[in-house]
Amino acid sequence: REHEDKEAERERFLTDMRKVKQLMAA
């Protein structure tokens, strides 16, 4: 269960980074 939480957190982090990169490129 704890491992899943870490995975979900990582997914969210990567998604946020992608959003930031898109905003910077805009």
N, C-alpha and C. Protein backbone atom coordinates (compact mmCIF):
# COMPACT_ATOMS: atom_id res chain seq x y z
N ARG A 1 0.86 -1.21 0.00
CA ARG A 1 0.00 0.00 0.00
C ARG A 1 0.89 1.25 0.00
N GLU A 2 1.91 1.25 0.86
CA GLU A 2 2.78 2.43 0.92
C GLU A 2 3.51 2.64 -0.41
N HIS A 3 3.91 1.52 -1.00
CA HIS A 3 4.61 1.60 -2.28
C HIS A 3 3.72 2.26 -3.33
N GLU A 4 2.45 1.89 -3.32
CA GLU A 4 1.51 2.46 -4.29
C GLU A 4 1.42 3.97 -4.12
N ASP A 5 1.40 4.42 -2.87
CA ASP A 5 1.32 5.86 -2.61
C ASP A 5 2.53 6.57 -3.21
N LYS A 6 3.70 5.96 -3.05
CA LYS A 6 4.91 6.59 -3.59
C LYS A 6 4.82 6.66 -5.11
N GLU A 7 4.31 5.60 -5.74
CA GLU A 7 4.17 5.58 -7.20
C GLU A 7 3.23 6.68 -7.65
N ALA A 8 2.09 6.80 -6.96
CA ALA A 8 1.10 7.81 -7.33
C ALA A 8 1.70 9.21 -7.17
N GLU A 9 2.47 9.39 -6.12
CA GLU A 9 3.09 10.70 -5.89
C GLU A 9 4.05 11.02 -7.03
N ARG A 10 4.80 10.00 -7.46
CA ARG A 10 5.76 10.21 -8.55
C ARG A 10 5.02 10.56 -9.83
N GLU A 11 3.92 9.85 -10.08
CA GLU A 11 3.13 10.13 -11.29
C GLU A 11 2.66 11.57 -11.28
N ARG A 12 2.15 12.01 -10.13
CA ARG A 12 1.65 13.38 -10.02
C ARG A 12 2.80 14.37 -10.25
N PHE A 13 3.96 14.05 -9.69
CA PHE A 13 5.13 14.93 -9.84
C PHE A 13 5.51 15.06 -11.31
N LEU A 14 5.58 13.93 -12.01
CA LEU A 14 5.94 13.97 -13.42
C LEU A 14 4.92 14.75 -14.23
N THR A 15 3.65 14.57 -13.91
CA THR A 15 2.59 15.29 -14.63
C THR A 15 2.75 16.79 -14.41
N ASP A 16 3.03 17.17 -13.16
CA ASP A 16 3.21 18.60 -12.86
C ASP A 16 4.40 19.15 -13.64
N MET A 17 5.50 18.41 -13.69
CA MET A 17 6.68 18.87 -14.41
C MET A 17 6.35 19.09 -15.88
N ARG A 18 5.57 18.17 -16.45
CA ARG A 18 5.20 18.29 -17.86
C ARG A 18 4.38 19.56 -18.07
N LYS A 19 3.47 19.82 -17.13
CA LYS A 19 2.62 21.02 -17.23
C LYS A 19 3.49 22.27 -17.17
N VAL A 20 4.44 22.27 -16.24
CA VAL A 20 5.33 23.43 -16.09
C VAL A 20 6.12 23.64 -17.38
N LYS A 21 6.65 22.57 -17.93
CA LYS A 21 7.44 22.69 -19.16
C LYS A 21 6.59 23.28 -20.28
N GLN A 22 5.34 22.83 -20.36
CA GLN A 22 4.45 23.36 -21.41
C GLN A 22 4.23 24.84 -21.20
N LEU A 23 4.04 25.25 -19.94
CA LEU A 23 3.81 26.67 -19.65
C LEU A 23 5.04 27.48 -20.02
N MET A 24 6.22 26.95 -19.71
CA MET A 24 7.46 27.66 -20.02
C MET A 24 7.62 27.79 -21.54
N ALA A 25 7.29 26.73 -22.26
CA ALA A 25 7.43 26.74 -23.72
C ALA A 25 6.41 27.67 -24.37
N ALA A 26 5.27 27.84 -23.72
CA ALA A 26 4.21 28.68 -24.30
C ALA A 26 4.69 30.12 -24.46
